[in-house]
């Protein structure tokens, strides 16, 4: 059983930091840093590590499991408990790499996905009975906060009706128009799991845009 002093030495912290609650230890890709506060943000970790915060930050646990931190997420540090040795961080994907990987995954299921100026168009989403079309194209924008936050809102070509009525939470025409042909309306909608949106280290682990697109069927099944 290690003493607090031994644990502190094992992570590279100064011994006197064990008795000073204002000093903590942070490890970025094998480099240990002294830190003066009990909390640190995603962006501060990236700055310590010397990489662009837009690349994201991945928390690596002692058992080598990994978890992507959200932009602005606050991590609570523990002094004198070998925190540097047990938990460390590394840089994540660049945003461009993440989007490319997300689109590749989408195209495995929807081969005709179109991407333009940050917008995604999924052609031919099937609609259940009650709608005045059997299928519709759907578009959405990948926000600047992605992958830390999911898209919000989905866009369809104007004229879509349910049982002859304009759907609820729907605006036609949309205030912002996707960069694709035709006029578009927008649904104010997000997936039920939006509050639990925690992307994994790879697009196939954790939430992803494929799950977001599959959620469209949930909204169309609601009708009204």
C-alpha atoms as a PDB file:
ATOM      1  CA  UNK A   1       0.000   0.000   0.000  1.00  0.00           C
ATOM      2  CA  UNK A   2       1.509   3.312  -1.092  1.00  0.00           C
ATOM      3  CA  UNK A   3       1.608   6.391   1.055  1.00  0.00           C
ATOM      4  CA  UNK A   4       0.362   9.669  -0.347  1.00  0.00           C
ATOM      5  CA  UNK A   5       3.970  10.782  -0.736  1.00  0.00           C
ATOM      6  CA  UNK A   6       4.878   7.660  -2.727  1.00  0.00           C
ATOM      7  CA  UNK A   7       1.781   8.062  -4.908  1.00  0.00           C
ATOM      8  CA  UNK A   8       2.638  11.665  -5.618  1.00  0.00           C
ATOM      9  CA  UNK A   9       6.209  10.764  -6.534  1.00  0.00           C
ATOM     10  CA  UNK A  10       4.981   8.015  -8.868  1.00  0.00           C
ATOM     11  CA  UNK A  11       3.117  10.559 -10.979  1.00  0.00           C
ATOM     12  CA  UNK A  12       5.915  13.118 -11.009  1.00  0.00           C
ATOM     13  CA  UNK A  13       4.292  15.612  -8.616  1.00  0.00           C
ATOM     14  CA  UNK A  14       6.391  17.325  -5.954  1.00  0.00           C
ATOM     15  CA  UNK A  15       6.006  15.812  -2.506  1.00  0.00           C
ATOM     16  CA  UNK A  16       4.898  19.086  -0.977  1.00  0.00           C
ATOM     17  CA  UNK A  17       1.990  19.176  -3.420  1.00  0.00           C
ATOM     18  CA  UNK A  18       0.366  16.313  -1.487  1.00  0.00           C
ATOM     19  CA  UNK A  19      -0.237  18.667   1.414  1.00  0.00           C
ATOM     20  CA  UNK A  20      -1.283  21.606  -0.738  1.00  0.00           C
ATOM     21  CA  UNK A  21      -4.771  21.162  -2.122  1.00  0.00           C
ATOM     22  CA  UNK A  22      -4.125  23.856  -4.670  1.00  0.00           C
ATOM     23  CA  UNK A  23      -1.580  21.748  -6.567  1.00  0.00           C
ATOM     24  CA  UNK A  24      -2.506  18.864  -8.832  1.00  0.00           C
ATOM     25  CA  UNK A  25      -0.923  16.722 -11.502  1.00  0.00           C
ATOM     26  CA  UNK A  26      -2.074  16.320 -15.130  1.00  0.00           C
ATOM     27  CA  UNK A  27      -0.692  13.917 -17.748  1.00  0.00           C
ATOM     28  CA  UNK A  28      -0.979  14.658 -21.466  1.00  0.00           C
ATOM     29  CA  UNK A  29       0.371  11.977 -23.811  1.00  0.00           C
ATOM     30  CA  UNK A  30       3.014  10.946 -21.275  1.00  0.00           C
ATOM     31  CA  UNK A  31       4.073  14.438 -20.222  1.00  0.00           C
ATOM     32  CA  UNK A  32       3.243  15.404 -16.645  1.00  0.00           C
ATOM     33  CA  UNK A  33       2.237  18.930 -15.699  1.00  0.00           C
ATOM     34  CA  UNK A  34       1.704  20.593 -12.343  1.00  0.00           C
ATOM     35  CA  UNK A  35      -1.740  22.222 -12.124  1.00  0.00           C
ATOM     36  CA  UNK A  36      -2.868  24.798  -9.510  1.00  0.00           C
ATOM     37  CA  UNK A  37      -6.596  24.015  -9.295  1.00  0.00           C
ATOM     38  CA  UNK A  38      -8.807  21.011  -8.481  1.00  0.00           C
ATOM     39  CA  UNK A  39     -10.630  21.341 -11.818  1.00  0.00           C
ATOM     40  CA  UNK A  40      -9.491  21.590 -15.424  1.00  0.00           C
ATOM     41  CA  UNK A  41     -11.449  22.018 -18.665  1.00  0.00           C
ATOM     42  CA  UNK A  42     -11.153  20.161 -21.940  1.00  0.00           C
ATOM     43  CA  UNK A  43      -9.600  23.221 -23.569  1.00  0.00           C
ATOM     44  CA  UNK A  44      -7.068  23.668 -20.757  1.00  0.00           C
ATOM     45  CA  UNK A  45      -5.978  20.033 -21.123  1.00  0.00           C
ATOM     46  CA  UNK A  46      -5.444  20.569 -24.859  1.00  0.00           C
ATOM     47  CA  UNK A  47      -3.462  23.737 -24.194  1.00  0.00           C
ATOM     48  CA  UNK A  48      -1.221  21.904 -21.733  1.00  0.00           C
ATOM     49  CA  UNK A  49      -0.712  19.159 -24.295  1.00  0.00           C
ATOM     50  CA  UNK A  50       0.156  21.681 -26.990  1.00  0.00           C
ATOM     51  CA  UNK A  51      -2.548  20.765 -29.497  1.00  0.00           C
ATOM     52  CA  UNK A  52      -5.522  22.531 -31.035  1.00  0.00           C
ATOM     53  CA  UNK A  53      -8.612  22.186 -28.774  1.00  0.00           C
ATOM     54  CA  UNK A  54     -10.656  21.557 -31.950  1.00  0.00           C
ATOM     55  CA  UNK A  55      -8.963  18.150 -32.155  1.00  0.00           C
ATOM     56  CA  UNK A  56     -10.738  17.178 -28.961  1.00  0.00           C
ATOM     57  CA  UNK A  57      -9.460  15.457 -25.836  1.00  0.00           C
ATOM     58  CA  UNK A  58      -9.629  11.749 -25.072  1.00  0.00           C
ATOM     59  CA  UNK A  59      -9.432  10.513 -21.497  1.00  0.00           C
ATOM     60  CA  UNK A  60      -7.429   7.277 -21.179  1.00  0.00           C
ATOM     61  CA  UNK A  61      -8.093   5.227 -18.043  1.00  0.00           C
ATOM     62  CA  UNK A  62      -5.756   2.839 -16.255  1.00  0.00           C
ATOM     63  CA  UNK A  63      -7.411  -0.150 -17.975  1.00  0.00           C
ATOM     64  CA  UNK A  64      -6.842   1.578 -21.359  1.00  0.00           C
ATOM     65  CA  UNK A  65     -10.522   2.268 -21.912  1.00  0.00           C
ATOM     66  CA  UNK A  66     -11.072   5.651 -23.502  1.00  0.00           C
ATOM     67  CA  UNK A  67     -13.703   8.380 -23.381  1.00  0.00           C
ATOM     68  CA  UNK A  68     -13.985  11.565 -25.433  1.00  0.00           C
ATOM     69  CA  UNK A  69     -14.471  14.709 -23.358  1.00  0.00           C
ATOM     70  CA  UNK A  70     -17.025  17.287 -24.453  1.00  0.00           C
ATOM     71  CA  UNK A  71     -16.058  20.885 -25.322  1.00  0.00           C
ATOM     72  CA  UNK A  72     -16.026  22.904 -22.104  1.00  0.00           C
ATOM     73  CA  UNK A  73     -16.323  19.799 -19.921  1.00  0.00           C
ATOM     74  CA  UNK A  74     -14.903  20.248 -16.422  1.00  0.00           C
ATOM     75  CA  UNK A  75     -12.765  17.446 -14.961  1.00  0.00           C
ATOM     76  CA  UNK A  76     -12.315  17.182 -11.191  1.00  0.00           C
ATOM     77  CA  UNK A  77      -8.771  16.262 -10.203  1.00  0.00           C
ATOM     78  CA  UNK A  78      -7.717  14.332  -7.112  1.00  0.00           C
ATOM     79  CA  UNK A  79      -4.546  15.412  -5.305  1.00  0.00           C
ATOM     80  CA  UNK A  80      -2.047  12.901  -3.943  1.00  0.00           C
ATOM     81  CA  UNK A  81      -3.664   9.850  -5.544  1.00  0.00           C
ATOM     82  CA  UNK A  82      -1.400   9.151  -8.509  1.00  0.00           C
ATOM     83  CA  UNK A  83      -3.906  10.835 -10.782  1.00  0.00           C
ATOM     84  CA  UNK A  84      -1.341  11.332 -13.510  1.00  0.00           C
ATOM     85  CA  UNK A  85      -0.437   7.663 -13.507  1.00  0.00           C
ATOM     86  CA  UNK A  86      -4.029   6.406 -13.460  1.00  0.00           C
ATOM     87  CA  UNK A  87      -5.713   8.815 -15.872  1.00  0.00           C
ATOM     88  CA  UNK A  88      -4.140  10.584 -18.792  1.00  0.00           C
ATOM     89  CA  UNK A  89      -5.306  12.444 -21.864  1.00  0.00           C
ATOM     90  CA  UNK A  90      -4.441  12.454 -25.518  1.00  0.00           C
ATOM     91  CA  UNK A  91      -5.588  14.432 -28.523  1.00  0.00           C
ATOM     92  CA  UNK A  92      -8.594  13.234 -30.499  1.00  0.00           C
ATOM     93  CA  UNK A  93      -9.497  13.419 -34.171  1.00  0.00           C
ATOM     94  CA  UNK A  94      -9.353  16.699 -35.976  1.00  0.00           C
ATOM     95  CA  UNK A  95     -12.894  17.824 -36.687  1.00  0.00           C
ATOM     96  CA  UNK A  96     -12.357  17.238 -40.424  1.00  0.00           C
ATOM     97  CA  UNK A  97     -11.150  13.679 -39.776  1.00  0.00           C
ATOM     98  CA  UNK A  98     -14.182  13.015 -37.593  1.00  0.00           C
ATOM     99  CA  UNK A  99     -16.619  14.288 -40.216  1.00  0.00           C
ATOM    100  CA  UNK A 100     -14.958  12.210 -42.940  1.00  0.00           C
ATOM    101  CA  UNK A 101     -15.224   9.088 -40.791  1.00  0.00           C
ATOM    102  CA  UNK A 102     -18.865   9.871 -39.958  1.00  0.00           C
ATOM    103  CA  UNK A 103     -19.737  10.295 -43.643  1.00  0.00           C
ATOM    104  CA  UNK A 104     -17.998   7.031 -44.526  1.00  0.00           C
ATOM    105  CA  UNK A 105     -20.132   5.260 -41.916  1.00  0.00           C
ATOM    106  CA  UNK A 106     -23.306   6.915 -43.207  1.00  0.00           C
ATOM    107  CA  UNK A 107     -22.552   5.815 -46.770  1.00  0.00           C
ATOM    108  CA  UNK A 108     -22.421   2.167 -45.715  1.00  0.00           C
ATOM    109  CA  UNK A 109     -26.177   2.409 -45.114  1.00  0.00           C
ATOM    110  CA  UNK A 110     -27.104   5.373 -47.346  1.00  0.00           C
ATOM    111  CA  UNK A 111     -24.785   5.174 -50.389  1.00  0.00           C
ATOM    112  CA  UNK A 112     -26.135   8.363 -51.982  1.00  0.00           C
ATOM    113  CA  UNK A 113     -25.329  10.705 -49.105  1.00  0.00           C
ATOM    114  CA  UNK A 114     -24.379  14.179 -50.326  1.00  0.00           C
ATOM    115  CA  UNK A 115     -22.136  16.542 -48.357  1.00  0.00           C
ATOM    116  CA  UNK A 116     -21.771  20.227 -49.197  1.00  0.00           C
ATOM    117  CA  UNK A 117     -20.665  23.273 -47.192  1.00  0.00           C
ATOM    118  CA  UNK A 118     -21.146  21.496 -43.882  1.00  0.00           C
ATOM    119  CA  UNK A 119     -24.601  20.184 -44.847  1.00  0.00           C
ATOM    120  CA  UNK A 120     -25.639  16.553 -45.332  1.00  0.00           C
ATOM    121  CA  UNK A 121     -28.473  15.381 -47.588  1.00  0.00           C
ATOM    122  CA  UNK A 122     -29.960  11.891 -47.243  1.00  0.00           C
ATOM    123  CA  UNK A 123     -32.160  11.091 -50.246  1.00  0.00           C
ATOM    124  CA  UNK A 124     -35.223   8.866 -50.187  1.00  0.00           C
ATOM    125  CA  UNK A 125     -36.028   8.423 -46.476  1.00  0.00           C
ATOM    126  CA  UNK A 126     -39.148   6.208 -46.383  1.00  0.00           C
ATOM    127  CA  UNK A 127     -42.298   7.706 -44.820  1.00  0.00           C
ATOM    128  CA  UNK A 128     -45.079   5.780 -43.052  1.00  0.00           C
ATOM    129  CA  UNK A 129     -48.743   6.064 -43.985  1.00  0.00           C
ATOM    130  CA  UNK A 130     -50.453   9.373 -43.314  1.00  0.00           C
ATOM    131  CA  UNK A 131     -47.830  11.477 -45.037  1.00  0.00           C
ATOM    132  CA  UNK A 132     -48.516  12.812 -48.505  1.00  0.00           C
ATOM    133  CA  UNK A 133     -45.303  11.245 -49.845  1.00  0.00           C
ATOM    134  CA  UNK A 134     -43.894   7.747 -49.682  1.00  0.00           C
ATOM    135  CA  UNK A 135     -40.380   9.110 -49.193  1.00  0.00           C
ATOM    136  CA  UNK A 136     -38.555  12.391 -48.758  1.00  0.00           C
ATOM    137  CA  UNK A 137     -35.062  13.800 -48.884  1.00  0.00           C
ATOM    138  CA  UNK A 138     -33.803  14.996 -45.497  1.00  0.00           C
ATOM    139  CA  UNK A 139     -30.971  17.434 -44.844  1.00  0.00           C
ATOM    140  CA  UNK A 140     -29.196  18.683 -41.731  1.00  0.00           C
ATOM    141  CA  UNK A 141     -26.194  20.843 -40.910  1.00  0.00           C
ATOM    142  CA  UNK A 142     -23.149  19.697 -38.960  1.00  0.00           C
ATOM    143  CA  UNK A 143     -22.646  22.489 -36.439  1.00  0.00           C
ATOM    144  CA  UNK A 144     -19.347  24.006 -35.353  1.00  0.00           C
ATOM    145  CA  UNK A 145     -19.834  22.251 -31.995  1.00  0.00           C
ATOM    146  CA  UNK A 146     -19.752  18.788 -33.610  1.00  0.00           C
ATOM    147  CA  UNK A 147     -18.747  16.158 -32.537  1.00  0.00           C
ATOM    148  CA  UNK A 148     -19.186  17.552 -29.037  1.00  0.00           C
ATOM    149  CA  UNK A 149     -22.865  18.248 -29.707  1.00  0.00           C
ATOM    150  CA  UNK A 150     -25.375  16.594 -32.071  1.00  0.00           C
ATOM    151  CA  UNK A 151     -27.058  18.349 -34.995  1.00  0.00           C
ATOM    152  CA  UNK A 152     -30.370  20.040 -34.218  1.00  0.00           C
ATOM    153  CA  UNK A 153     -33.272  20.319 -36.618  1.00  0.00           C
ATOM    154  CA  UNK A 154     -33.938  18.443 -39.835  1.00  0.00           C
ATOM    155  CA  UNK A 155     -34.919  19.858 -43.202  1.00  0.00           C
ATOM    156  CA  UNK A 156     -37.291  18.437 -45.817  1.00  0.00           C
ATOM    157  CA  UNK A 157     -38.408  19.715 -49.185  1.00  0.00           C
ATOM    158  CA  UNK A 158     -41.456  21.947 -48.834  1.00  0.00           C
ATOM    159  CA  UNK A 159     -44.980  20.637 -49.254  1.00  0.00           C
ATOM    160  CA  UNK A 160     -44.736  17.763 -46.792  1.00  0.00           C
ATOM    161  CA  UNK A 161     -48.065  17.211 -44.999  1.00  0.00           C
ATOM    162  CA  UNK A 162     -49.543  14.705 -42.554  1.00  0.00           C
ATOM    163  CA  UNK A 163     -53.205  13.804 -43.049  1.00  0.00           C
ATOM    164  CA  UNK A 164     -53.518  16.933 -45.133  1.00  0.00           C
ATOM    165  CA  UNK A 165     -52.207  19.234 -42.382  1.00  0.00           C
ATOM    166  CA  UNK A 166     -48.928  20.999 -41.806  1.00  0.00           C
ATOM    167  CA  UNK A 167     -46.936  19.057 -39.195  1.00  0.00           C
ATOM    168  CA  UNK A 168     -46.320  20.441 -35.728  1.00  0.00           C
ATOM    169  CA  UNK A 169     -42.984  22.122 -34.917  1.00  0.00           C
ATOM    170  CA  UNK A 170     -42.479  22.645 -38.629  1.00  0.00           C
ATOM    171  CA  UNK A 171     -41.614  25.875 -40.471  1.00  0.00           C
ATOM    172  CA  UNK A 172     -42.086  26.398 -44.188  1.00  0.00           C
ATOM    173  CA  UNK A 173     -40.032  27.786 -45.771  1.00  0.00           C
ATOM    174  CA  UNK A 174     -37.113  27.402 -43.395  1.00  0.00           C
ATOM    175  CA  UNK A 175     -35.300  30.561 -42.384  1.00  0.00           C
ATOM    176  CA  UNK A 176     -32.029  28.923 -43.435  1.00  0.00           C
ATOM    177  CA  UNK A 177     -31.979  27.009 -46.697  1.00  0.00           C
ATOM    178  CA  UNK A 178     -29.688  24.007 -47.259  1.00  0.00           C
ATOM    179  CA  UNK A 179     -27.325  24.309 -50.268  1.00  0.00           C
ATOM    180  CA  UNK A 180     -29.282  21.727 -52.252  1.00  0.00           C
ATOM    181  CA  UNK A 181     -31.856  22.200 -55.048  1.00  0.00           C
ATOM    182  CA  UNK A 182     -35.442  23.109 -54.212  1.00  0.00           C
ATOM    183  CA  UNK A 183     -37.162  24.907 -51.332  1.00  0.00           C
ATOM    184  CA  UNK A 184     -36.877  23.470 -47.844  1.00  0.00           C
ATOM    185  CA  UNK A 185     -38.884  23.513 -44.632  1.00  0.00           C
ATOM    186  CA  UNK A 186     -37.496  22.621 -41.210  1.00  0.00           C
ATOM    187  CA  UNK A 187     -38.569  20.529 -38.230  1.00  0.00           C
ATOM    188  CA  UNK A 188     -37.481  21.674 -34.766  1.00  0.00           C
ATOM    189  CA  UNK A 189     -36.385  18.235 -33.633  1.00  0.00           C
ATOM    190  CA  UNK A 190     -33.575  16.313 -32.008  1.00  0.00           C
ATOM    191  CA  UNK A 191     -33.068  12.738 -30.894  1.00  0.00           C
ATOM    192  CA  UNK A 192     -34.316  11.759 -27.447  1.00  0.00           C
ATOM    193  CA  UNK A 193     -30.750  10.834 -26.434  1.00  0.00           C
ATOM    194  CA  UNK A 194     -29.368  14.292 -27.262  1.00  0.00           C
ATOM    195  CA  UNK A 195     -28.593  14.991 -23.587  1.00  0.00           C
ATOM    196  CA  UNK A 196     -26.536  11.797 -23.512  1.00  0.00           C
ATOM    197  CA  UNK A 197     -24.609  12.637 -26.679  1.00  0.00           C
ATOM    198  CA  UNK A 198     -21.126  11.336 -25.877  1.00  0.00           C
ATOM    199  CA  UNK A 199     -19.139  10.447 -28.989  1.00  0.00           C
ATOM    200  CA  UNK A 200     -16.627   7.652 -28.652  1.00  0.00           C
ATOM    201  CA  UNK A 201     -13.009   7.567 -29.684  1.00  0.00           C
ATOM    202  CA  UNK A 202     -14.047   6.053 -33.015  1.00  0.00           C
ATOM    203  CA  UNK A 203     -17.279   6.748 -34.894  1.00  0.00           C
ATOM    204  CA  UNK A 204     -18.414   3.168 -34.384  1.00  0.00           C
ATOM    205  CA  UNK A 205     -18.203   3.454 -30.595  1.00  0.00           C
ATOM    206  CA  UNK A 206     -20.677   5.731 -28.860  1.00  0.00           C
ATOM    207  CA  UNK A 207     -23.147   7.988 -30.615  1.00  0.00           C
ATOM    208  CA  UNK A 208     -22.721   8.980 -34.263  1.00  0.00           C
ATOM    209  CA  UNK A 209     -24.472  10.589 -37.229  1.00  0.00           C
ATOM    210  CA  UNK A 210     -25.795   7.250 -38.454  1.00  0.00           C
ATOM    211  CA  UNK A 211     -27.797   6.944 -35.237  1.00  0.00           C
ATOM    212  CA  UNK A 212     -28.955  10.542 -35.714  1.00  0.00           C
ATOM    213  CA  UNK A 213     -30.215   9.804 -39.241  1.00  0.00           C
ATOM    214  CA  UNK A 214     -31.913   6.585 -38.178  1.00  0.00           C
ATOM    215  CA  UNK A 215     -33.762   8.681 -35.630  1.00  0.00           C
ATOM    216  CA  UNK A 216     -35.610  10.469 -38.457  1.00  0.00           C
ATOM    217  CA  UNK A 217     -37.928   7.468 -38.652  1.00  0.00           C
ATOM    218  CA  UNK A 218     -38.884   8.148 -35.023  1.00  0.00           C
ATOM    219  CA  UNK A 219     -40.097  11.647 -35.889  1.00  0.00           C
ATOM    220  CA  UNK A 220     -41.981  10.604 -39.002  1.00  0.00           C
ATOM    221  CA  UNK A 221     -43.675   7.753 -37.111  1.00  0.00           C
ATOM    222  CA  UNK A 222     -45.095  10.337 -34.706  1.00  0.00           C
ATOM    223  CA  UNK A 223     -46.995  12.003 -37.577  1.00  0.00           C
ATOM    224  CA  UNK A 224     -48.889  15.185 -36.593  1.00  0.00           C
END
